C-alpha atoms as a PDB file:
ATOM      1  CA  MET A   1      47.255  19.785  77.292  1.00  0.00           C
ATOM      2  CA  SER A   2      50.357  21.962  77.424  1.00  0.00           C
ATOM      3  CA  LEU A   3      50.743  23.855  80.678  1.00  0.00           C
ATOM      4  CA  SER A   4      53.522  26.404  81.032  1.00  0.00           C
ATOM      5  CA  LEU A   5      53.735  25.920  84.793  1.00  0.00           C
ATOM      6  CA  ARG A   6      57.066  25.661  86.578  1.00  0.00           C
ATOM      7  CA  LEU A   7      57.869  22.206  87.910  1.00  0.00           C
ATOM      8  CA  LEU A   8      60.045  23.464  90.783  1.00  0.00           C
ATOM      9  CA  PRO A   9      58.152  24.659  93.870  1.00  0.00           C
ATOM     10  CA  PRO A  10      58.906  27.994  95.508  1.00  0.00           C
ATOM     11  CA  PRO A  11      60.945  27.915  98.709  1.00  0.00           C
ATOM     12  CA  VAL A  12      58.162  27.415 101.225  1.00  0.00           C
ATOM     13  CA  ARG A  13      58.319  24.295 103.353  1.00  0.00           C
ATOM     14  CA  LEU A  14      54.898  22.919 104.164  1.00  0.00           C
ATOM     15  CA  ASN A  15      56.259  21.486 107.399  1.00  0.00           C
ATOM     16  CA  ASP A  16      56.942  25.050 108.562  1.00  0.00           C
ATOM     17  CA  VAL A  17      53.480  26.394 107.703  1.00  0.00           C
ATOM     18  CA  PRO A  18      51.104  26.673 110.701  1.00  0.00           C
ATOM     19  CA  GLU A  19      47.758  24.927 110.932  1.00  0.00           C
ATOM     20  CA  PRO A  20      44.667  27.058 110.193  1.00  0.00           C
ATOM     21  CA  ARG A  21      43.818  29.065 113.312  1.00  0.00           C
ATOM     22  CA  TRP A  22      40.556  30.910 113.998  1.00  0.00           C
ATOM     23  CA  ASP A  23      41.708  33.112 116.892  1.00  0.00           C
ATOM     24  CA  HIS A  24      41.566  36.419 115.041  1.00  0.00           C
ATOM     25  CA  VAL A  25      38.416  35.521 113.093  1.00  0.00           C
ATOM     26  CA  PHE A  26      36.695  34.950 116.445  1.00  0.00           C
ATOM     27  CA  ARG A  27      38.195  38.204 117.768  1.00  0.00           C
ATOM     28  CA  LEU A  28      36.467  40.032 114.903  1.00  0.00           C
ATOM     29  CA  SER A  29      33.155  38.216 115.438  1.00  0.00           C
ATOM     30  CA  ASP A  30      30.262  38.898 117.802  1.00  0.00           C
ATOM     31  CA  ASP A  31      26.712  37.626 118.291  1.00  0.00           C
ATOM     32  CA  THR A  32      25.590  39.463 115.131  1.00  0.00           C
ATOM     33  CA  GLY A  33      28.217  38.544 112.577  1.00  0.00           C
ATOM     34  CA  LEU A  34      31.767  39.293 111.501  1.00  0.00           C
ATOM     35  CA  LEU A  35      32.995  42.879 111.756  1.00  0.00           C
ATOM     36  CA  GLU A  36      34.794  44.134 108.687  1.00  0.00           C
ATOM     37  CA  HIS A  37      37.778  46.229 109.785  1.00  0.00           C
ATOM     38  CA  ALA A  38      40.463  46.427 112.447  1.00  0.00           C
ATOM     39  CA  ARG A  39      43.106  48.953 113.421  1.00  0.00           C
ATOM     40  CA  ASN A  40      46.138  46.768 113.983  1.00  0.00           C
ATOM     41  CA  ALA A  41      44.378  43.757 115.542  1.00  0.00           C
ATOM     42  CA  ILE A  42      41.623  45.701 117.366  1.00  0.00           C
ATOM     43  CA  VAL A  43      38.194  45.559 115.783  1.00  0.00           C
ATOM     44  CA  ARG A  44      36.679  48.826 114.506  1.00  0.00           C
ATOM     45  CA  ARG A  45      33.033  48.576 115.415  1.00  0.00           C
ATOM     46  CA  GLU A  46      32.168  51.896 113.778  1.00  0.00           C
ATOM     47  CA  HIS A  47      32.705  50.288 110.365  1.00  0.00           C
ATOM     48  CA  GLY A  48      30.114  47.589 110.998  1.00  0.00           C
ATOM     49  CA  TYR A  49      29.546  44.387 109.052  1.00  0.00           C
ATOM     50  CA  CYS A  50      29.328  43.381 105.392  1.00  0.00           C
ATOM     51  CA  VAL A  51      27.815  40.381 103.642  1.00  0.00           C
ATOM     52  CA  ASP A  52      31.023  39.995 101.604  1.00  0.00           C
ATOM     53  CA  ASP A  53      33.048  39.054 104.687  1.00  0.00           C
ATOM     54  CA  VAL A  54      30.329  37.131 106.523  1.00  0.00           C
ATOM     55  CA  SER A  55      29.886  35.003 103.392  1.00  0.00           C
ATOM     56  CA  ARG A  56      33.606  34.305 103.323  1.00  0.00           C
ATOM     57  CA  GLY A  57      33.469  33.391 106.998  1.00  0.00           C
ATOM     58  CA  LEU A  58      30.646  30.895 106.446  1.00  0.00           C
ATOM     59  CA  LEU A  59      32.349  29.403 103.397  1.00  0.00           C
ATOM     60  CA  ILE A  60      35.687  28.833 105.098  1.00  0.00           C
ATOM     61  CA  ALA A  61      34.107  27.570 108.323  1.00  0.00           C
ATOM     62  CA  CYS A  62      32.177  24.976 106.318  1.00  0.00           C
ATOM     63  CA  ARG A  63      35.357  23.854 104.561  1.00  0.00           C
ATOM     64  CA  GLU A  64      36.705  22.609 107.877  1.00  0.00           C
ATOM     65  CA  PRO A  65      36.359  18.800 107.870  1.00  0.00           C
ATOM     66  CA  ARG A  66      35.998  18.504 111.654  1.00  0.00           C
ATOM     67  CA  PRO A  67      34.696  21.800 113.071  1.00  0.00           C
ATOM     68  CA  ASP A  68      34.732  22.118 116.848  1.00  0.00           C
ATOM     69  CA  PRO A  69      31.660  23.429 118.727  1.00  0.00           C
ATOM     70  CA  GLU A  70      32.941  27.020 118.820  1.00  0.00           C
ATOM     71  CA  LEU A  71      33.474  27.138 115.063  1.00  0.00           C
ATOM     72  CA  THR A  72      30.032  25.593 114.525  1.00  0.00           C
ATOM     73  CA  ARG A  73      28.448  28.317 116.675  1.00  0.00           C
ATOM     74  CA  HIS A  74      30.157  30.989 114.601  1.00  0.00           C
ATOM     75  CA  ALA A  75      29.050  29.331 111.358  1.00  0.00           C
ATOM     76  CA  GLU A  76      25.468  29.422 112.652  1.00  0.00           C
ATOM     77  CA  ARG A  77      25.764  33.160 113.354  1.00  0.00           C
ATOM     78  CA  TYR A  78      27.201  33.852 109.936  1.00  0.00           C
ATOM     79  CA  LEU A  79      24.390  31.860 108.322  1.00  0.00           C
ATOM     80  CA  ALA A  80      21.755  33.727 110.351  1.00  0.00           C
ATOM     81  CA  PHE A  81      23.295  37.028 109.227  1.00  0.00           C
ATOM     82  CA  LEU A  82      23.060  36.003 105.566  1.00  0.00           C
ATOM     83  CA  THR A  83      19.467  34.824 105.806  1.00  0.00           C
ATOM     84  CA  HIS A  84      18.590  38.156 107.452  1.00  0.00           C
ATOM     85  CA  ALA A  85      20.403  40.024 104.663  1.00  0.00           C
ATOM     86  CA  GLN A  86      18.471  38.254 101.902  1.00  0.00           C
ATOM     87  CA  ALA A  87      15.411  39.891 100.366  1.00  0.00           C
ATOM     88  CA  ALA A  88      12.374  37.907  99.250  1.00  0.00           C
ATOM     89  CA  GLY A  89      13.468  38.020  95.605  1.00  0.00           C
ATOM     90  CA  GLY A  90      16.877  36.524  96.381  1.00  0.00           C
ATOM     91  CA  ALA A  91      19.089  39.643  96.327  1.00  0.00           C
ATOM     92  CA  PHE A  92      21.118  40.728  99.373  1.00  0.00           C
ATOM     93  CA  HIS A  93      21.872  43.808 101.391  1.00  0.00           C
ATOM     94  CA  ASN A  94      25.614  44.217 101.954  1.00  0.00           C
ATOM     95  CA  ARG A  95      26.372  46.728 104.702  1.00  0.00           C
ATOM     96  CA  MET A  96      25.011  46.772 108.231  1.00  0.00           C
ATOM     97  CA  SER A  97      25.966  49.316 110.901  1.00  0.00           C
ATOM     98  CA  PHE A  98      27.073  48.238 114.351  1.00  0.00           C
ATOM     99  CA  ASP A  99      23.585  49.070 115.647  1.00  0.00           C
ATOM    100  CA  ARG A 100      22.107  46.523 113.218  1.00  0.00           C
ATOM    101  CA  ARG A 101      20.662  48.872 110.587  1.00  0.00           C
ATOM    102  CA  TRP A 102      21.013  48.038 106.901  1.00  0.00           C
ATOM    103  CA  LEU A 103      22.749  50.877 105.071  1.00  0.00           C
ATOM    104  CA  ASP A 104      21.882  49.861 101.506  1.00  0.00           C
ATOM    105  CA  GLU A 105      19.188  48.239  99.390  1.00  0.00           C
ATOM    106  CA  PRO A 106      19.288  44.584  98.266  1.00  0.00           C
ATOM    107  CA  ALA A 107      21.213  44.110  95.019  1.00  0.00           C
ATOM    108  CA  LEU A 108      22.856  41.504  92.792  1.00  0.00           C
ATOM    109  CA  CYS A 109      26.413  42.788  93.020  1.00  0.00           C
ATOM    110  CA  ASP A 110      29.518  40.913  94.185  1.00  0.00           C
ATOM    111  CA  TRP A 111      28.082  40.309  97.649  1.00  0.00           C
ATOM    112  CA  TRP A 112      25.127  38.405  96.148  1.00  0.00           C
ATOM    113  CA  GLY A 113      27.605  36.107  94.420  1.00  0.00           C
ATOM    114  CA  ARG A 114      29.700  35.663  97.553  1.00  0.00           C
ATOM    115  CA  ALA A 115      26.573  34.953  99.597  1.00  0.00           C
ATOM    116  CA  ILE A 116      25.514  32.255  97.125  1.00  0.00           C
ATOM    117  CA  TRP A 117      29.035  30.832  97.289  1.00  0.00           C
ATOM    118  CA  GLY A 118      28.943  30.688 101.073  1.00  0.00           C
ATOM    119  CA  LEU A 119      25.416  29.299 101.167  1.00  0.00           C
ATOM    120  CA  GLY A 120      26.182  26.648  98.555  1.00  0.00           C
ATOM    121  CA  THR A 121      29.249  25.561 100.499  1.00  0.00           C
ATOM    122  CA  ALA A 122      27.267  25.416 103.748  1.00  0.00           C
ATOM    123  CA  ALA A 123      24.455  23.481 102.050  1.00  0.00           C
ATOM    124  CA  ALA A 124      26.938  20.917 100.738  1.00  0.00           C
ATOM    125  CA  ARG A 125      29.503  20.763 103.538  1.00  0.00           C
ATOM    126  CA  GLY A 126      27.948  22.245 106.664  1.00  0.00           C
ATOM    127  CA  GLY A 127      28.921  20.439 109.838  1.00  0.00           C
ATOM    128  CA  ASN A 128      25.382  19.492 110.836  1.00  0.00           C
ATOM    129  CA  GLY A 129      21.961  18.951 109.326  1.00  0.00           C
ATOM    130  CA  TRP A 130      20.279  22.155 110.440  1.00  0.00           C
ATOM    131  CA  ILE A 131      23.027  24.308 108.925  1.00  0.00           C
ATOM    132  CA  ARG A 132      22.866  22.392 105.641  1.00  0.00           C
ATOM    133  CA  ARG A 133      19.055  22.631 105.468  1.00  0.00           C
ATOM    134  CA  GLU A 134      18.808  26.332 106.244  1.00  0.00           C
ATOM    135  CA  ALA A 135      21.675  27.156 103.904  1.00  0.00           C
ATOM    136  CA  MET A 136      19.928  25.231 101.132  1.00  0.00           C
ATOM    137  CA  ASN A 137      16.708  27.165 101.734  1.00  0.00           C
ATOM    138  CA  ALA A 138      18.538  30.467 101.262  1.00  0.00           C
ATOM    139  CA  PHE A 139      20.525  29.095  98.313  1.00  0.00           C
ATOM    140  CA  ARG A 140      17.256  28.118  96.589  1.00  0.00           C
ATOM    141  CA  GLN A 141      15.935  31.632  97.151  1.00  0.00           C
ATOM    142  CA  GLY A 142      18.982  33.230  95.531  1.00  0.00           C
ATOM    143  CA  VAL A 143      19.966  30.730  92.840  1.00  0.00           C
ATOM    144  CA  ARG A 144      17.228  31.855  90.432  1.00  0.00           C
ATOM    145  CA  CYS A 145      18.735  35.348  90.252  1.00  0.00           C
ATOM    146  CA  ARG A 146      21.316  36.408  87.723  1.00  0.00           C
ATOM    147  CA  SER A 147      23.781  39.280  87.968  1.00  0.00           C
ATOM    148  CA  PRO A 148      25.096  41.270  84.997  1.00  0.00           C
ATOM    149  CA  TRP A 149      28.536  41.349  86.644  1.00  0.00           C
ATOM    150  CA  PRO A 150      30.991  38.561  85.688  1.00  0.00           C
ATOM    151  CA  ARG A 151      32.650  38.368  89.111  1.00  0.00           C
ATOM    152  CA  ALA A 152      29.357  38.187  90.945  1.00  0.00           C
ATOM    153  CA  MET A 153      28.355  35.355  88.614  1.00  0.00           C
ATOM    154  CA  ALA A 154      31.709  33.632  89.113  1.00  0.00           C
ATOM    155  CA  PHE A 155      31.323  33.662  92.904  1.00  0.00           C
ATOM    156  CA  ALA A 156      27.749  32.395  92.644  1.00  0.00           C
ATOM    157  CA  GLY A 157      28.825  29.740  90.161  1.00  0.00           C
ATOM    158  CA  LEU A 158      31.376  28.417  92.629  1.00  0.00           C
ATOM    159  CA  GLY A 159      28.579  28.062  95.190  1.00  0.00           C
ATOM    160  CA  ALA A 160      26.469  26.249  92.615  1.00  0.00           C
ATOM    161  CA  ALA A 161      29.415  23.925  91.959  1.00  0.00           C
ATOM    162  CA  GLU A 162      29.503  22.983  95.651  1.00  0.00           C
ATOM    163  CA  VAL A 163      25.819  22.015  95.512  1.00  0.00           C
ATOM    164  CA  LEU A 164      26.307  20.152  92.242  1.00  0.00           C
ATOM    165  CA  ARG A 165      29.175  18.108  93.654  1.00  0.00           C
ATOM    166  CA  ALA A 166      26.884  17.016  96.483  1.00  0.00           C
ATOM    167  CA  ASP A 167      23.945  16.366  94.132  1.00  0.00           C
ATOM    168  CA  PRO A 168      24.902  15.948  90.451  1.00  0.00           C
ATOM    169  CA  HIS A 169      21.196  16.057  89.514  1.00  0.00           C
ATOM    170  CA  ASP A 170      20.519  19.548  90.896  1.00  0.00           C
ATOM    171  CA  ARG A 171      19.256  21.316  87.770  1.00  0.00           C
ATOM    172  CA  GLU A 172      19.116  24.827  89.235  1.00  0.00           C
ATOM    173  CA  ALA A 173      22.724  24.641  90.384  1.00  0.00           C
ATOM    174  CA  ALA A 174      23.829  23.239  87.007  1.00  0.00           C
ATOM    175  CA  GLN A 175      22.048  26.018  85.144  1.00  0.00           C
ATOM    176  CA  LEU A 176      23.599  28.749  87.295  1.00  0.00           C
ATOM    177  CA  LEU A 177      27.060  27.216  86.883  1.00  0.00           C
ATOM    178  CA  GLY A 178      26.672  27.086  83.114  1.00  0.00           C
ATOM    179  CA  ASP A 179      25.387  30.654  82.994  1.00  0.00           C
ATOM    180  CA  ALA A 180      28.361  31.839  85.052  1.00  0.00           C
ATOM    181  CA  ALA A 181      30.818  30.307  82.582  1.00  0.00           C
ATOM    182  CA  THR A 182      28.918  31.883  79.680  1.00  0.00           C
ATOM    183  CA  VAL A 183      29.005  35.373  81.219  1.00  0.00           C
ATOM    184  CA  ILE A 184      32.775  35.127  81.760  1.00  0.00           C
ATOM    185  CA  GLY A 185      33.454  34.134  78.163  1.00  0.00           C
ATOM    186  CA  LEU A 186      36.220  32.179  76.479  1.00  0.00           C
ATOM    187  CA  PRO A 187      39.962  32.844  76.364  1.00  0.00           C
ATOM    188  CA  GLY A 188      41.435  34.511  73.311  1.00  0.00           C
ATOM    189  CA  SER A 189      43.790  32.967  70.782  1.00  0.00           C
ATOM    190  CA  ASP A 190      46.646  35.473  71.264  1.00  0.00           C
ATOM    191  CA  PRO A 191      49.145  33.813  73.635  1.00  0.00           C
ATOM    192  CA  ASP A 192      50.285  37.231  74.859  1.00  0.00           C
ATOM    193  CA  TRP A 193      46.819  38.036  76.216  1.00  0.00           C
ATOM    194  CA  VAL A 194      44.684  34.950  76.765  1.00  0.00           C
ATOM    195  CA  TRP A 195      42.321  36.599  79.249  1.00  0.00           C
ATOM    196  CA  PRO A 196      38.712  37.118  78.021  1.00  0.00           C
ATOM    197  CA  GLU A 197      38.714  40.679  79.399  1.00  0.00           C
ATOM    198  CA  PRO A 198      40.863  43.638  78.266  1.00  0.00           C
ATOM    199  CA  GLU A 199      42.367  44.006  81.745  1.00  0.00           C
ATOM    200  CA  LEU A 200      43.077  42.040  84.888  1.00  0.00           C
ATOM    201  CA  THR A 201      41.306  43.627  87.835  1.00  0.00           C
ATOM    202  CA  TYR A 202      40.387  41.701  91.012  1.00  0.00           C
ATOM    203  CA  ALA A 203      39.432  38.116  91.863  1.00  0.00           C
ATOM    204  CA  ASN A 204      40.778  37.017  88.480  1.00  0.00           C
ATOM    205  CA  PRO A 205      41.510  33.418  89.564  1.00  0.00           C
ATOM    206  CA  ALA A 206      37.840  32.919  90.461  1.00  0.00           C
ATOM    207  CA  LEU A 207      36.876  33.496  86.829  1.00  0.00           C
ATOM    208  CA  ALA A 208      39.237  30.788  85.623  1.00  0.00           C
ATOM    209  CA  GLU A 209      38.168  28.497  88.469  1.00  0.00           C
ATOM    210  CA  VAL A 210      34.465  28.654  87.657  1.00  0.00           C
ATOM    211  CA  VAL A 211      35.166  27.878  83.977  1.00  0.00           C
ATOM    212  CA  ILE A 212      37.229  24.872  85.116  1.00  0.00           C
ATOM    213  CA  VAL A 213      34.519  23.513  87.404  1.00  0.00           C
ATOM    214  CA  ALA A 214      31.806  24.174  84.823  1.00  0.00           C
ATOM    215  CA  GLY A 215      33.753  22.162  82.270  1.00  0.00           C
ATOM    216  CA  ASP A 216      34.335  19.389  84.788  1.00  0.00           C
ATOM    217  CA  LEU A 217      30.881  19.112  86.364  1.00  0.00           C
ATOM    218  CA  LEU A 218      28.898  19.774  83.180  1.00  0.00           C
ATOM    219  CA  GLY A 219      30.955  17.329  81.130  1.00  0.00           C
ATOM    220  CA  ASP A 220      32.354  19.887  78.671  1.00  0.00           C
ATOM    221  CA  GLU A 221      35.974  18.967  77.942  1.00  0.00           C
ATOM    222  CA  ALA A 222      36.555  21.994  75.706  1.00  0.00           C
ATOM    223  CA  LEU A 223      35.335  24.334  78.438  1.00  0.00           C
ATOM    224  CA  LEU A 224      37.559  22.593  80.983  1.00  0.00           C
ATOM    225  CA  ALA A 225      40.560  23.065  78.698  1.00  0.00           C
ATOM    226  CA  ASP A 226      39.679  26.748  78.283  1.00  0.00           C
ATOM    227  CA  GLY A 227      39.541  27.272  82.041  1.00  0.00           C
ATOM    228  CA  LEU A 228      42.861  25.522  82.572  1.00  0.00           C
ATOM    229  CA  ARG A 229      44.460  27.633  79.851  1.00  0.00           C
ATOM    230  CA  MET A 230      43.152  30.804  81.484  1.00  0.00           C
ATOM    231  CA  LEU A 231      44.533  29.796  84.858  1.00  0.00           C
ATOM    232  CA  SER A 232      47.895  28.660  83.468  1.00  0.00           C
ATOM    233  CA  TRP A 233      48.346  31.993  81.693  1.00  0.00           C
ATOM    234  CA  LEU A 234      47.324  33.922  84.813  1.00  0.00           C
ATOM    235  CA  CYS A 235      49.796  31.966  86.944  1.00  0.00           C
ATOM    236  CA  ASP A 236      52.534  32.832  84.457  1.00  0.00           C
ATOM    237  CA  MET A 237      51.527  36.498  84.557  1.00  0.00           C
ATOM    238  CA  GLN A 238      51.685  36.524  88.353  1.00  0.00           C
ATOM    239  CA  ASP A 239      55.053  34.728  88.540  1.00  0.00           C
ATOM    240  CA  HIS A 240      57.724  37.329  89.291  1.00  0.00           C
ATOM    241  CA  HIS A 241      61.254  35.975  89.652  1.00  0.00           C
ATOM    242  CA  GLY A 242      59.905  32.661  90.917  1.00  0.00           C
ATOM    243  CA  HIS A 243      57.395  33.942  93.475  1.00  0.00           C
ATOM    244  CA  LEU A 244      53.772  35.057  93.382  1.00  0.00           C
ATOM    245  CA  SER A 245      53.186  38.726  92.616  1.00  0.00           C
ATOM    246  CA  THR A 246      49.420  39.137  92.546  1.00  0.00           C
ATOM    247  CA  VAL A 247      47.548  41.551  90.326  1.00  0.00           C
ATOM    248  CA  PRO A 248      47.532  44.661  92.527  1.00  0.00           C
ATOM    249  CA  VAL A 249      44.944  47.310  93.261  1.00  0.00           C
ATOM    250  CA  GLY A 250      44.567  49.173  89.983  1.00  0.00           C
ATOM    251  CA  GLY A 251      44.997  46.060  87.852  1.00  0.00           C
ATOM    252  CA  TRP A 252      47.045  45.323  84.749  1.00  0.00           C
ATOM    253  CA  ARG A 253      46.268  46.196  81.139  1.00  0.00           C
ATOM    254  CA  ARG A 254      47.780  44.845  77.976  1.00  0.00           C
ATOM    255  CA  GLY A 255      50.656  46.961  76.668  1.00  0.00           C
ATOM    256  CA  VAL A 256      51.038  48.923  79.922  1.00  0.00           C
ATOM    257  CA  ASP A 257      53.926  48.421  82.336  1.00  0.00           C
ATOM    258  CA  ARG A 258      52.851  46.319  85.301  1.00  0.00           C
ATOM    259  CA  HIS A 259      52.982  48.026  88.685  1.00  0.00           C
ATOM    260  CA  ARG A 260      53.320  45.778  91.730  1.00  0.00           C
ATOM    261  CA  PHE A 261      51.555  47.444  94.656  1.00  0.00           C
ATOM    262  CA  ASP A 262      49.334  47.382  96.606  1.00  0.00           C
ATOM    263  CA  GLN A 263      48.740  43.605  96.701  1.00  0.00           C
ATOM    264  CA  GLN A 264      45.836  42.107  98.626  1.00  0.00           C
ATOM    265  CA  PRO A 265      45.806  38.801 100.564  1.00  0.00           C
ATOM    266  CA  ILE A 266      42.446  37.892  99.019  1.00  0.00           C
ATOM    267  CA  GLU A 267      44.187  37.689  95.608  1.00  0.00           C
ATOM    268  CA  ALA A 268      46.751  35.178  96.883  1.00  0.00           C
ATOM    269  CA  ALA A 269      43.912  33.172  98.448  1.00  0.00           C
ATOM    270  CA  ALA A 270      41.943  33.195  95.182  1.00  0.00           C
ATOM    271  CA  THR A 271      45.028  31.887  93.383  1.00  0.00           C
ATOM    272  CA  ALA A 272      45.329  29.097  95.952  1.00  0.00           C
ATOM    273  CA  ASP A 273      41.636  28.230  95.536  1.00  0.00           C
ATOM    274  CA  ALA A 274      41.855  28.012  91.761  1.00  0.00           C
ATOM    275  CA  CYS A 275      45.092  26.011  91.681  1.00  0.00           C
ATOM    276  CA  ALA A 276      43.795  23.574  94.300  1.00  0.00           C
ATOM    277  CA  THR A 277      40.673  23.089  92.192  1.00  0.00           C
ATOM    278  CA  ALA A 278      42.721  22.558  89.029  1.00  0.00           C
ATOM    279  CA  ALA A 279      44.871  19.972  90.818  1.00  0.00           C
ATOM    280  CA  ALA A 280      41.795  18.150  92.161  1.00  0.00           C
ATOM    281  CA  VAL A 281      40.039  18.130  88.777  1.00  0.00           C
ATOM    282  CA  THR A 282      43.028  17.073  86.675  1.00  0.00           C
ATOM    283  CA  GLY A 283      45.178  15.104  89.124  1.00  0.00           C
ATOM    284  CA  ASP A 284      48.134  17.010  87.646  1.00  0.00           C
ATOM    285  CA  GLU A 285      50.855  17.705  90.226  1.00  0.00           C
ATOM    286  CA  ARG A 286      52.147  20.649  88.196  1.00  0.00           C
ATOM    287  CA  TRP A 287      49.429  22.790  89.778  1.00  0.00           C
ATOM    288  CA  ASP A 288      51.136  22.276  93.140  1.00  0.00           C
ATOM    289  CA  ALA A 289      53.862  24.786  92.175  1.00  0.00           C
ATOM    290  CA  PRO A 290      51.607  27.862  91.846  1.00  0.00           C
ATOM    291  CA  LEU A 291      49.617  26.653  94.866  1.00  0.00           C
ATOM    292  CA  ARG A 292      52.847  26.647  96.863  1.00  0.00           C
ATOM    293  CA  GLN A 293      53.596  30.125  95.566  1.00  0.00           C
ATOM    294  CA  ALA A 294      50.254  31.324  96.937  1.00  0.00           C
ATOM    295  CA  ILE A 295      51.000  29.750 100.316  1.00  0.00           C
ATOM    296  CA  GLY A 296      54.501  31.181 100.318  1.00  0.00           C
ATOM    297  CA  TRP A 297      53.198  34.697  99.596  1.00  0.00           C
ATOM    298  CA  PHE A 298      51.862  34.884 103.168  1.00  0.00           C
ATOM    299  CA  PHE A 299      55.200  33.822 104.665  1.00  0.00           C
ATOM    300  CA  GLY A 300      57.613  36.191 102.958  1.00  0.00           C
ATOM    301  CA  ASP A 301      57.954  34.729  99.476  1.00  0.00           C
ATOM    302  CA  ASN A 302      56.657  37.924  97.871  1.00  0.00           C
ATOM    303  CA  ASP A 303      57.909  41.124  96.255  1.00  0.00           C
ATOM    304  CA  THR A 304      59.207  42.716  99.477  1.00  0.00           C
ATOM    305  CA  GLY A 305      60.083  39.577 101.451  1.00  0.00           C
ATOM    306  CA  SER A 306      57.452  40.524 104.045  1.00  0.00           C
ATOM    307  CA  VAL A 307      55.751  37.977 106.285  1.00  0.00           C
ATOM    308  CA  MET A 308      52.020  38.737 106.164  1.00  0.00           C
ATOM    309  CA  TYR A 309      51.092  36.410 109.051  1.00  0.00           C
ATOM    310  CA  ASP A 310      51.014  37.714 112.620  1.00  0.00           C
ATOM    311  CA  SER A 311      51.921  34.698 114.750  1.00  0.00           C
ATOM    312  CA  GLU A 312      50.811  36.484 117.926  1.00  0.00           C
ATOM    313  CA  THR A 313      47.232  37.202 116.803  1.00  0.00           C
ATOM    314  CA  CYS A 314      46.934  34.504 114.073  1.00  0.00           C
ATOM    315  CA  GLY A 315      45.695  37.310 111.841  1.00  0.00           C
ATOM    316  CA  CYS A 316      46.857  38.540 108.455  1.00  0.00           C
ATOM    317  CA  TYR A 317      47.987  42.011 107.473  1.00  0.00           C
ATOM    318  CA  ASP A 318      45.645  43.881 105.158  1.00  0.00           C
ATOM    319  CA  GLY A 319      47.914  44.499 102.189  1.00  0.00           C
ATOM    320  CA  LEU A 320      51.433  44.393 100.810  1.00  0.00           C
ATOM    321  CA  THR A 321      52.749  47.864  99.972  1.00  0.00           C
ATOM    322  CA  VAL A 322      56.068  48.944  98.522  1.00  0.00           C
ATOM    323  CA  ASP A 323      57.164  49.624 102.118  1.00  0.00           C
ATOM    324  CA  GLY A 324      55.956  46.276 103.480  1.00  0.00           C
ATOM    325  CA  PRO A 325      52.737  45.199 105.175  1.00  0.00           C
ATOM    326  CA  ASN A 326      49.761  47.372 106.036  1.00  0.00           C
ATOM    327  CA  LEU A 327      49.632  46.291 109.678  1.00  0.00           C
ATOM    328  CA  ASN A 328      45.846  46.421 110.061  1.00  0.00           C
ATOM    329  CA  GLN A 329      44.248  42.964 110.306  1.00  0.00           C
ATOM    330  CA  GLY A 330      40.720  43.033 108.926  1.00  0.00           C
ATOM    331  CA  ALA A 331      38.318  40.188 108.260  1.00  0.00           C
ATOM    332  CA  GLU A 332      38.929  39.794 104.508  1.00  0.00           C
ATOM    333  CA  SER A 333      42.687  39.416 104.935  1.00  0.00           C
ATOM    334  CA  THR A 334      42.528  37.038 107.873  1.00  0.00           C
ATOM    335  CA  LEU A 335      39.945  34.841 106.169  1.00  0.00           C
ATOM    336  CA  ALA A 336      42.202  34.774 103.093  1.00  0.00           C
ATOM    337  CA  LEU A 337      45.012  33.489 105.298  1.00  0.00           C
ATOM    338  CA  VAL A 338      42.864  30.800 106.940  1.00  0.00           C
ATOM    339  CA  SER A 339      41.559  29.646 103.563  1.00  0.00           C
ATOM    340  CA  THR A 340      45.085  29.336 102.168  1.00  0.00           C
ATOM    341  CA  LEU A 341      46.278  27.469 105.263  1.00  0.00           C
ATOM    342  CA  GLN A 342      43.448  24.980 104.699  1.00  0.00           C
ATOM    343  CA  HIS A 343      44.898  24.303 101.246  1.00  0.00           C
ATOM    344  CA  ALA A 344      48.400  24.043 102.724  1.00  0.00           C
ATOM    345  CA  ARG A 345      47.184  21.410 105.179  1.00  0.00           C
ATOM    346  CA  THR A 346      45.562  19.395 102.388  1.00  0.00           C
ATOM    347  CA  LEU A 347      48.628  19.679 100.173  1.00  0.00           C
ATOM    348  CA  ALA A 348      50.917  18.580 103.006  1.00  0.00           C
ATOM    349  CA  LYS A 349      48.821  15.478 103.620  1.00  0.00           C
ATOM    350  CA  ARG A 350      48.668  14.669  99.918  1.00  0.00           C
ATOM    351  CA  SER A 351      52.423  15.161  99.495  1.00  0.00           C
ATOM    352  CA  ALA A 352      53.159  12.937 102.481  1.00  0.00           C
ATOM    353  CA  THR A 353      51.300   9.993 100.906  1.00  0.00           C
ATOM    354  CA  ARG A 354      53.176  10.053  97.600  1.00  0.00           C
ATOM    355  CA  PRO A 355      55.395   7.022  96.968  1.00  0.00           C
ATOM    356  CA  SER A 356      58.482   9.220  96.785  1.00  0.00           C
ATOM    357  CA  GLY A 357      57.818  10.510 100.268  1.00  0.00           C
ATOM    358  CA  GLY A 358      56.391  13.754  98.977  1.00  0.00           C
ATOM    359  CA  LEU A 359      57.763  17.259  99.010  1.00  0.00           C
ATOM    360  CA  ALA A 360      59.002  18.856 102.201  1.00  0.00           C
END
């Protein structure tokens, strides 16, 4: 397979990247869940909670290989929030006010997909038996649903992939994963616009990632190649003078000049997720370069040279504007940082074990 990925890594040194820290995630959390917004680093309770962010919190907490008791307690709260948000038919509410009232009706939009992703990860990787069992119960309740929205299906498919890795014989998870890849569609033949959609909007790497894992776990080599081609093309599109420039708010369309702002941390994290998955599936070290770009984005290797990490709070700024960071530190952004630092830690360990001594 021909990948047009750069072989030289961007100028981020893994030795200088901090370990994942949960300080600000815990600052945004309470005994109900994970509050969505902050002004600077101070939580805004009036904006309440959302399933989108609580699902991300559960997912990333369950990715930790050795969670300490405090992180386990928070994972339990996030899981309880999701099970409370789930309706009998498997759909989910999304928004809850600070006084614990649901503000919407259950639906199968993006938050359903993210909830299934978080639940599937907790069912497969949760730090103890009772978290894994309860997460699996909720996953089973939601996995029979299908959303008409490709991104919701992509998120859910990634949760199904987690379950399928743990149990390759799980038929419901395999069916959902296959359906997710089908909804997303196949890349086009025009090398100038490989993407199966007419525009790049948000969470684009997740679409390529779920096609990759569907091809891998379902034994479809052609599908795997399609997913890798989608991701390779997207990485090329987001490479701007050797650093990551994510698809911004407003997106990119074919034949239209690409604007650069505002960029969101969740897009850099999604790029890191997809490239880490591609590297794990293929064993190809060329995916390390765009993964390093995604890591570097948080530490100043971006379009304005702005560091997005607040070393005092261990939080992440909410967006990259033409004038630099939006200094608010909400849940989505900080979870994106923690997720990417988890990949940085894994990459550093893998690099250190290479016969050549690895990359700095």
